[in-house]
Amino acid sequence: MKSIQIFNQFLKSKKNSIYALILSIFIIIFINNCSNRYTNESGANNGIENINSPEVFDTKKFLGSEDTWKDIQIQLNNIHGLWGGANTYISGSGRSTVLIVEPNRNQTSGPIQFVKRKYTFSLNQTETRKLIGIFIENDFVNIKVEERLGIPDETKPEIVLINPRGKNYSISKWANDKNDRFDNILKSIDLVVDQTQNLTPDLE
């Protein structure tokens, strides 16, 4: 109590008004820091997403509750104007569509002609959850890729992740650049494309 009275007298002194202001600011900062530390430790702010903080805004939070993962959509856009390729569409329910475009191998002359094949099939729940898990393990929404001009004829696959609320996040990378996290996800989607080898196309 006595210390409080002394502090009040100190504040009332005109001579020490500047020092009192500085001391008050330090006291306010100290109280706020203590309050924030308690809030973080108690988990009171767990429901608030700060999209500027990778520690808070990660791929799992972007996707939301697992109960809604059936509404997730995964896309790979990887068809090149000269070499062809495959576009892949996978839903969280496992429903998958793969469009494969290849140069016509029987063509002997003239402009390049392409052959298209479309496959529709379903992944089982284990396969689908494993694929989503790879997006989470590699923290897709926080992958950083090199931005540069492309080399002529170089492919640039694009991966798109759409969460159950309809918000999408896309990343594209030049094929000659190495990015382990992006490449891990790309390889996992390519394994889905490989399943078409033993299937009959819907469109040919």
C-alpha atoms as a PDB file:
ATOM      1  CA  MET A   1       0.000   0.000   0.000  1.00  0.00           C
ATOM      2  CA  LYS A   2       2.811   2.348   0.912  1.00  0.00           C
ATOM      3  CA  SER A   3       4.531   1.666  -2.417  1.00  0.00           C
ATOM      4  CA  ILE A   4       1.319   2.650  -4.256  1.00  0.00           C
ATOM      5  CA  GLN A   5       1.173   5.960  -2.413  1.00  0.00           C
ATOM      6  CA  ILE A   6       4.782   6.710  -3.290  1.00  0.00           C
ATOM      7  CA  PHE A   7       4.085   5.866  -6.947  1.00  0.00           C
ATOM      8  CA  ASN A   8       1.044   8.210  -6.969  1.00  0.00           C
ATOM      9  CA  GLN A   9       3.132  11.016  -5.554  1.00  0.00           C
ATOM     10  CA  PHE A  10       5.724  10.346  -8.210  1.00  0.00           C
ATOM     11  CA  LEU A  11       3.090  10.653 -10.940  1.00  0.00           C
ATOM     12  CA  LYS A  12       1.772  13.941  -9.524  1.00  0.00           C
ATOM     13  CA  SER A  13       5.191  15.526  -9.628  1.00  0.00           C
ATOM     14  CA  LYS A  14       5.487  17.865 -12.636  1.00  0.00           C
ATOM     15  CA  LYS A  15       9.216  17.484 -12.517  1.00  0.00           C
ATOM     16  CA  ASN A  16       8.974  13.739 -13.191  1.00  0.00           C
ATOM     17  CA  SER A  17       6.039  13.757 -15.614  1.00  0.00           C
ATOM     18  CA  ILE A  18       8.151  12.569 -18.567  1.00  0.00           C
ATOM     19  CA  TYR A  19       9.657   9.728 -16.571  1.00  0.00           C
ATOM     20  CA  ALA A  20       6.194   8.806 -15.339  1.00  0.00           C
ATOM     21  CA  LEU A  21       4.904   8.594 -18.914  1.00  0.00           C
ATOM     22  CA  ILE A  22       7.788   6.335 -19.954  1.00  0.00           C
ATOM     23  CA  LEU A  23       7.303   4.129 -16.902  1.00  0.00           C
ATOM     24  CA  SER A  24       3.567   3.871 -17.618  1.00  0.00           C
ATOM     25  CA  ILE A  25       4.258   2.718 -21.173  1.00  0.00           C
ATOM     26  CA  PHE A  26       6.598   0.001 -19.924  1.00  0.00           C
ATOM     27  CA  ILE A  27       3.982  -1.157 -17.417  1.00  0.00           C
ATOM     28  CA  ILE A  28       1.304  -1.378 -20.146  1.00  0.00           C
ATOM     29  CA  ILE A  29       3.641  -3.363 -22.422  1.00  0.00           C
ATOM     30  CA  PHE A  30       4.485  -5.740 -19.568  1.00  0.00           C
ATOM     31  CA  ILE A  31       0.809  -6.355 -18.789  1.00  0.00           C
ATOM     32  CA  ASN A  32      -0.033  -6.972 -22.455  1.00  0.00           C
ATOM     33  CA  ASN A  33       2.825  -9.443 -22.829  1.00  0.00           C
ATOM     34  CA  CYS A  34       1.675 -11.359 -19.788  1.00  0.00           C
ATOM     35  CA  SER A  35      -1.893 -11.422 -21.134  1.00  0.00           C
ATOM     36  CA  ASN A  36      -0.803 -12.648 -24.588  1.00  0.00           C
ATOM     37  CA  ARG A  37       1.341 -15.370 -23.077  1.00  0.00           C
ATOM     38  CA  TYR A  38      -1.586 -16.664 -21.060  1.00  0.00           C
ATOM     39  CA  THR A  39      -3.901 -16.565 -24.081  1.00  0.00           C
ATOM     40  CA  ASN A  40      -1.457 -18.539 -26.224  1.00  0.00           C
ATOM     41  CA  GLU A  41      -0.806 -21.142 -23.551  1.00  0.00           C
ATOM     42  CA  SER A  42      -4.498 -21.632 -22.826  1.00  0.00           C
ATOM     43  CA  GLY A  43      -5.344 -22.033 -26.538  1.00  0.00           C
ATOM     44  CA  ALA A  44      -7.990 -19.322 -26.419  1.00  0.00           C
ATOM     45  CA  ASN A  45      -7.077 -18.111 -29.923  1.00  0.00           C
ATOM     46  CA  ASN A  46      -6.963 -21.489 -31.627  1.00  0.00           C
ATOM     47  CA  GLY A  47     -10.069 -20.646 -33.661  1.00  0.00           C
ATOM     48  CA  ILE A  48      -8.480 -17.551 -35.225  1.00  0.00           C
ATOM     49  CA  GLU A  49      -6.370 -18.031 -38.341  1.00  0.00           C
ATOM     50  CA  ASN A  50      -3.641 -15.518 -39.072  1.00  0.00           C
ATOM     51  CA  ILE A  51      -2.950 -16.019 -42.781  1.00  0.00           C
ATOM     52  CA  ASN A  52       0.302 -14.031 -42.523  1.00  0.00           C
ATOM     53  CA  SER A  53       1.829 -16.539 -40.133  1.00  0.00           C
ATOM     54  CA  PRO A  54       2.967 -19.889 -41.595  1.00  0.00           C
ATOM     55  CA  GLU A  55       2.888 -21.355 -38.085  1.00  0.00           C
ATOM     56  CA  VAL A  56      -0.866 -20.728 -37.963  1.00  0.00           C
ATOM     57  CA  PHE A  57      -1.912 -20.703 -41.626  1.00  0.00           C
ATOM     58  CA  ASP A  58      -0.818 -24.107 -42.845  1.00  0.00           C
ATOM     59  CA  THR A  59      -2.312 -26.605 -45.294  1.00  0.00           C
ATOM     60  CA  LYS A  60      -4.254 -28.561 -42.669  1.00  0.00           C
ATOM     61  CA  LYS A  61      -5.979 -25.403 -41.467  1.00  0.00           C
ATOM     62  CA  PHE A  62      -6.630 -24.381 -45.079  1.00  0.00           C
ATOM     63  CA  LEU A  63      -8.438 -27.696 -45.653  1.00  0.00           C
ATOM     64  CA  GLY A  64     -10.495 -27.468 -42.461  1.00  0.00           C
ATOM     65  CA  SER A  65     -12.285 -30.282 -40.644  1.00  0.00           C
ATOM     66  CA  GLU A  66     -11.693 -33.832 -41.875  1.00  0.00           C
ATOM     67  CA  ASP A  67     -15.464 -34.328 -41.927  1.00  0.00           C
ATOM     68  CA  THR A  68     -15.606 -32.041 -44.976  1.00  0.00           C
ATOM     69  CA  TRP A  69     -12.625 -33.436 -46.865  1.00  0.00           C
ATOM     70  CA  LYS A  70     -14.899 -35.230 -49.325  1.00  0.00           C
ATOM     71  CA  ASP A  71     -15.484 -31.779 -50.857  1.00  0.00           C
ATOM     72  CA  ILE A  72     -11.779 -31.132 -51.469  1.00  0.00           C
ATOM     73  CA  GLN A  73     -10.676 -30.891 -55.098  1.00  0.00           C
ATOM     74  CA  ILE A  74      -7.171 -31.526 -56.410  1.00  0.00           C
ATOM     75  CA  GLN A  75      -6.092 -30.582 -59.922  1.00  0.00           C
ATOM     76  CA  LEU A  76      -2.921 -31.070 -61.909  1.00  0.00           C
ATOM     77  CA  ASN A  77      -2.667 -29.078 -65.137  1.00  0.00           C
ATOM     78  CA  ASN A  78       0.246 -30.532 -67.055  1.00  0.00           C
ATOM     79  CA  ILE A  79      -0.417 -30.522 -70.803  1.00  0.00           C
ATOM     80  CA  HIS A  80       2.227 -28.901 -72.993  1.00  0.00           C
ATOM     81  CA  GLY A  81       1.446 -27.508 -76.438  1.00  0.00           C
ATOM     82  CA  LEU A  82       4.181 -29.586 -78.071  1.00  0.00           C
ATOM     83  CA  TRP A  83       4.649 -32.633 -75.868  1.00  0.00           C
ATOM     84  CA  GLY A  84       1.146 -33.244 -74.549  1.00  0.00           C
ATOM     85  CA  GLY A  85       0.766 -34.551 -71.005  1.00  0.00           C
ATOM     86  CA  ALA A  86      -2.089 -35.080 -68.569  1.00  0.00           C
ATOM     87  CA  ASN A  87      -4.632 -33.022 -66.694  1.00  0.00           C
ATOM     88  CA  THR A  88      -5.874 -34.701 -63.531  1.00  0.00           C
ATOM     89  CA  TYR A  89      -8.914 -33.945 -61.379  1.00  0.00           C
ATOM     90  CA  ILE A  90      -9.409 -35.708 -58.029  1.00  0.00           C
ATOM     91  CA  SER A  91     -12.141 -35.056 -55.483  1.00  0.00           C
ATOM     92  CA  GLY A  92     -11.942 -35.775 -51.776  1.00  0.00           C
ATOM     93  CA  SER A  93     -14.518 -38.517 -52.308  1.00  0.00           C
ATOM     94  CA  GLY A  94     -12.045 -40.323 -54.573  1.00  0.00           C
ATOM     95  CA  ARG A  95     -13.776 -39.550 -57.864  1.00  0.00           C
ATOM     96  CA  SER A  96     -11.024 -39.010 -60.444  1.00  0.00           C
ATOM     97  CA  THR A  97     -10.809 -37.870 -64.054  1.00  0.00           C
ATOM     98  CA  VAL A  98      -7.624 -37.992 -66.125  1.00  0.00           C
ATOM     99  CA  LEU A  99      -7.303 -36.429 -69.571  1.00  0.00           C
ATOM    100  CA  ILE A 100      -4.219 -37.654 -71.439  1.00  0.00           C
ATOM    101  CA  VAL A 101      -3.048 -35.850 -74.565  1.00  0.00           C
ATOM    102  CA  GLU A 102      -0.289 -37.369 -76.705  1.00  0.00           C
ATOM    103  CA  PRO A 103       1.156 -36.637 -80.158  1.00  0.00           C
ATOM    104  CA  ASN A 104      -0.212 -38.969 -82.808  1.00  0.00           C
ATOM    105  CA  ARG A 105       2.509 -41.588 -83.241  1.00  0.00           C
ATOM    106  CA  ASN A 106       1.128 -42.640 -86.635  1.00  0.00           C
ATOM    107  CA  GLN A 107       1.495 -39.171 -88.102  1.00  0.00           C
ATOM    108  CA  THR A 108       4.232 -38.929 -90.717  1.00  0.00           C
ATOM    109  CA  SER A 109       3.935 -35.318 -91.895  1.00  0.00           C
ATOM    110  CA  GLY A 110       2.141 -32.008 -91.395  1.00  0.00           C
ATOM    111  CA  PRO A 111       1.360 -30.082 -88.217  1.00  0.00           C
ATOM    112  CA  ILE A 112       1.445 -32.030 -84.962  1.00  0.00           C
ATOM    113  CA  GLN A 113      -1.815 -33.831 -84.272  1.00  0.00           C
ATOM    114  CA  PHE A 114      -2.788 -35.039 -80.822  1.00  0.00           C
ATOM    115  CA  VAL A 115      -4.693 -38.032 -79.527  1.00  0.00           C
ATOM    116  CA  LYS A 116      -6.901 -37.522 -76.470  1.00  0.00           C
ATOM    117  CA  ARG A 117      -8.021 -40.131 -73.960  1.00  0.00           C
ATOM    118  CA  LYS A 118     -10.201 -39.490 -70.943  1.00  0.00           C
ATOM    119  CA  TYR A 119     -10.514 -41.851 -67.982  1.00  0.00           C
ATOM    120  CA  THR A 120     -12.994 -41.698 -65.120  1.00  0.00           C
ATOM    121  CA  PHE A 121     -12.504 -43.900 -62.063  1.00  0.00           C
ATOM    122  CA  SER A 122     -12.485 -43.820 -58.275  1.00  0.00           C
ATOM    123  CA  LEU A 123      -9.741 -44.054 -55.691  1.00  0.00           C
ATOM    124  CA  ASN A 124     -10.547 -45.876 -52.486  1.00  0.00           C
ATOM    125  CA  GLN A 125     -10.683 -43.976 -49.197  1.00  0.00           C
ATOM    126  CA  THR A 126      -7.196 -45.061 -48.150  1.00  0.00           C
ATOM    127  CA  GLU A 127      -5.650 -43.825 -51.406  1.00  0.00           C
ATOM    128  CA  THR A 128      -7.536 -40.529 -51.234  1.00  0.00           C
ATOM    129  CA  ARG A 129      -6.598 -39.827 -47.613  1.00  0.00           C
ATOM    130  CA  LYS A 130      -2.984 -40.701 -48.346  1.00  0.00           C
ATOM    131  CA  LEU A 131      -2.897 -38.180 -51.198  1.00  0.00           C
ATOM    132  CA  ILE A 132      -4.433 -35.444 -49.043  1.00  0.00           C
ATOM    133  CA  GLY A 133      -1.952 -36.349 -46.315  1.00  0.00           C
ATOM    134  CA  ILE A 134       0.951 -35.731 -48.699  1.00  0.00           C
ATOM    135  CA  PHE A 135      -0.351 -32.195 -49.336  1.00  0.00           C
ATOM    136  CA  ILE A 136      -0.400 -31.660 -45.566  1.00  0.00           C
ATOM    137  CA  GLU A 137       2.997 -33.266 -44.890  1.00  0.00           C
ATOM    138  CA  ASN A 138       4.632 -31.046 -47.518  1.00  0.00           C
ATOM    139  CA  ASP A 139       2.608 -27.989 -46.392  1.00  0.00           C
ATOM    140  CA  PHE A 140       1.477 -27.171 -49.911  1.00  0.00           C
ATOM    141  CA  VAL A 141       0.183 -23.643 -49.258  1.00  0.00           C
ATOM    142  CA  ASN A 142       3.588 -22.528 -47.964  1.00  0.00           C
ATOM    143  CA  ILE A 143       5.726 -23.911 -50.803  1.00  0.00           C
ATOM    144  CA  LYS A 144       7.932 -21.258 -52.395  1.00  0.00           C
ATOM    145  CA  VAL A 145       9.133 -21.774 -55.987  1.00  0.00           C
ATOM    146  CA  GLU A 146      11.637 -19.901 -58.109  1.00  0.00           C
ATOM    147  CA  GLU A 147      10.169 -17.252 -60.375  1.00  0.00           C
ATOM    148  CA  ARG A 148      11.973 -16.988 -63.718  1.00  0.00           C
ATOM    149  CA  LEU A 149      11.482 -16.990 -67.479  1.00  0.00           C
ATOM    150  CA  GLY A 150      10.964 -20.413 -68.986  1.00  0.00           C
ATOM    151  CA  ILE A 151      13.275 -22.229 -71.355  1.00  0.00           C
ATOM    152  CA  PRO A 152      11.770 -22.901 -74.829  1.00  0.00           C
ATOM    153  CA  ASP A 153       9.681 -26.116 -74.829  1.00  0.00           C
ATOM    154  CA  GLU A 154      10.000 -26.452 -71.015  1.00  0.00           C
ATOM    155  CA  THR A 155       6.901 -27.715 -69.230  1.00  0.00           C
ATOM    156  CA  LYS A 156       5.423 -25.973 -66.194  1.00  0.00           C
ATOM    157  CA  PRO A 157       3.006 -28.188 -64.245  1.00  0.00           C
ATOM    158  CA  GLU A 158       0.450 -26.428 -62.069  1.00  0.00           C
ATOM    159  CA  ILE A 159      -1.077 -27.969 -58.942  1.00  0.00           C
ATOM    160  CA  VAL A 160      -4.349 -26.565 -57.602  1.00  0.00           C
ATOM    161  CA  LEU A 161      -5.836 -27.364 -54.183  1.00  0.00           C
ATOM    162  CA  ILE A 162      -9.452 -26.314 -53.535  1.00  0.00           C
ATOM    163  CA  ASN A 163     -10.732 -26.546 -49.977  1.00  0.00           C
ATOM    164  CA  PRO A 164     -14.311 -27.508 -48.987  1.00  0.00           C
ATOM    165  CA  ARG A 165     -15.284 -23.806 -48.818  1.00  0.00           C
ATOM    166  CA  GLY A 166     -14.355 -23.315 -52.481  1.00  0.00           C
ATOM    167  CA  LYS A 167     -11.159 -21.338 -51.884  1.00  0.00           C
ATOM    168  CA  ASN A 168      -8.260 -22.414 -54.073  1.00  0.00           C
ATOM    169  CA  TYR A 169      -4.505 -22.245 -53.822  1.00  0.00           C
ATOM    170  CA  SER A 170      -2.325 -22.935 -56.875  1.00  0.00           C
ATOM    171  CA  ILE A 171       1.401 -23.321 -57.437  1.00  0.00           C
ATOM    172  CA  SER A 172       3.231 -23.877 -60.722  1.00  0.00           C
ATOM    173  CA  LYS A 173       6.888 -24.768 -61.195  1.00  0.00           C
ATOM    174  CA  TRP A 174       9.191 -25.042 -64.190  1.00  0.00           C
ATOM    175  CA  ALA A 175      10.100 -28.683 -64.835  1.00  0.00           C
ATOM    176  CA  ASN A 176      13.870 -28.078 -64.733  1.00  0.00           C
ATOM    177  CA  ASP A 177      13.729 -26.537 -61.258  1.00  0.00           C
ATOM    178  CA  LYS A 178      14.063 -28.760 -58.206  1.00  0.00           C
ATOM    179  CA  ASN A 179      11.671 -28.339 -55.295  1.00  0.00           C
ATOM    180  CA  ASP A 180      11.381 -31.409 -53.096  1.00  0.00           C
ATOM    181  CA  ARG A 181       8.020 -30.567 -51.549  1.00  0.00           C
ATOM    182  CA  PHE A 182       6.354 -29.683 -54.850  1.00  0.00           C
ATOM    183  CA  ASP A 183       7.920 -32.713 -56.541  1.00  0.00           C
ATOM    184  CA  ASN A 184       6.691 -35.054 -53.780  1.00  0.00           C
ATOM    185  CA  ILE A 185       3.107 -33.938 -54.408  1.00  0.00           C
ATOM    186  CA  LEU A 186       3.534 -34.067 -58.181  1.00  0.00           C
ATOM    187  CA  LYS A 187       4.822 -37.648 -58.029  1.00  0.00           C
ATOM    188  CA  SER A 188       1.851 -38.675 -55.890  1.00  0.00           C
ATOM    189  CA  ILE A 189      -0.610 -37.286 -58.441  1.00  0.00           C
ATOM    190  CA  ASP A 190       1.336 -38.943 -61.263  1.00  0.00           C
ATOM    191  CA  LEU A 191       0.751 -42.282 -59.505  1.00  0.00           C
ATOM    192  CA  VAL A 192      -2.970 -41.666 -59.926  1.00  0.00           C
ATOM    193  CA  VAL A 193      -2.407 -41.024 -63.641  1.00  0.00           C
ATOM    194  CA  ASP A 194      -0.510 -44.327 -63.850  1.00  0.00           C
ATOM    195  CA  GLN A 195      -3.659 -46.190 -62.817  1.00  0.00           C
ATOM    196  CA  THR A 196      -5.157 -45.456 -66.239  1.00  0.00           C
ATOM    197  CA  GLN A 197      -2.743 -47.901 -67.886  1.00  0.00           C
ATOM    198  CA  ASN A 198      -5.031 -50.814 -67.104  1.00  0.00           C
ATOM    199  CA  LEU A 199      -8.305 -49.005 -67.796  1.00  0.00           C
ATOM    200  CA  THR A 200     -10.480 -48.521 -70.862  1.00  0.00           C
ATOM    201  CA  PRO A 201     -10.856 -44.838 -71.762  1.00  0.00           C
ATOM    202  CA  ASP A 202     -14.278 -43.157 -71.725  1.00  0.00           C
ATOM    203  CA  LEU A 203     -13.189 -40.967 -74.620  1.00  0.00           C
ATOM    204  CA  GLU A 204     -10.685 -41.773 -77.349  1.00  0.00           C
END
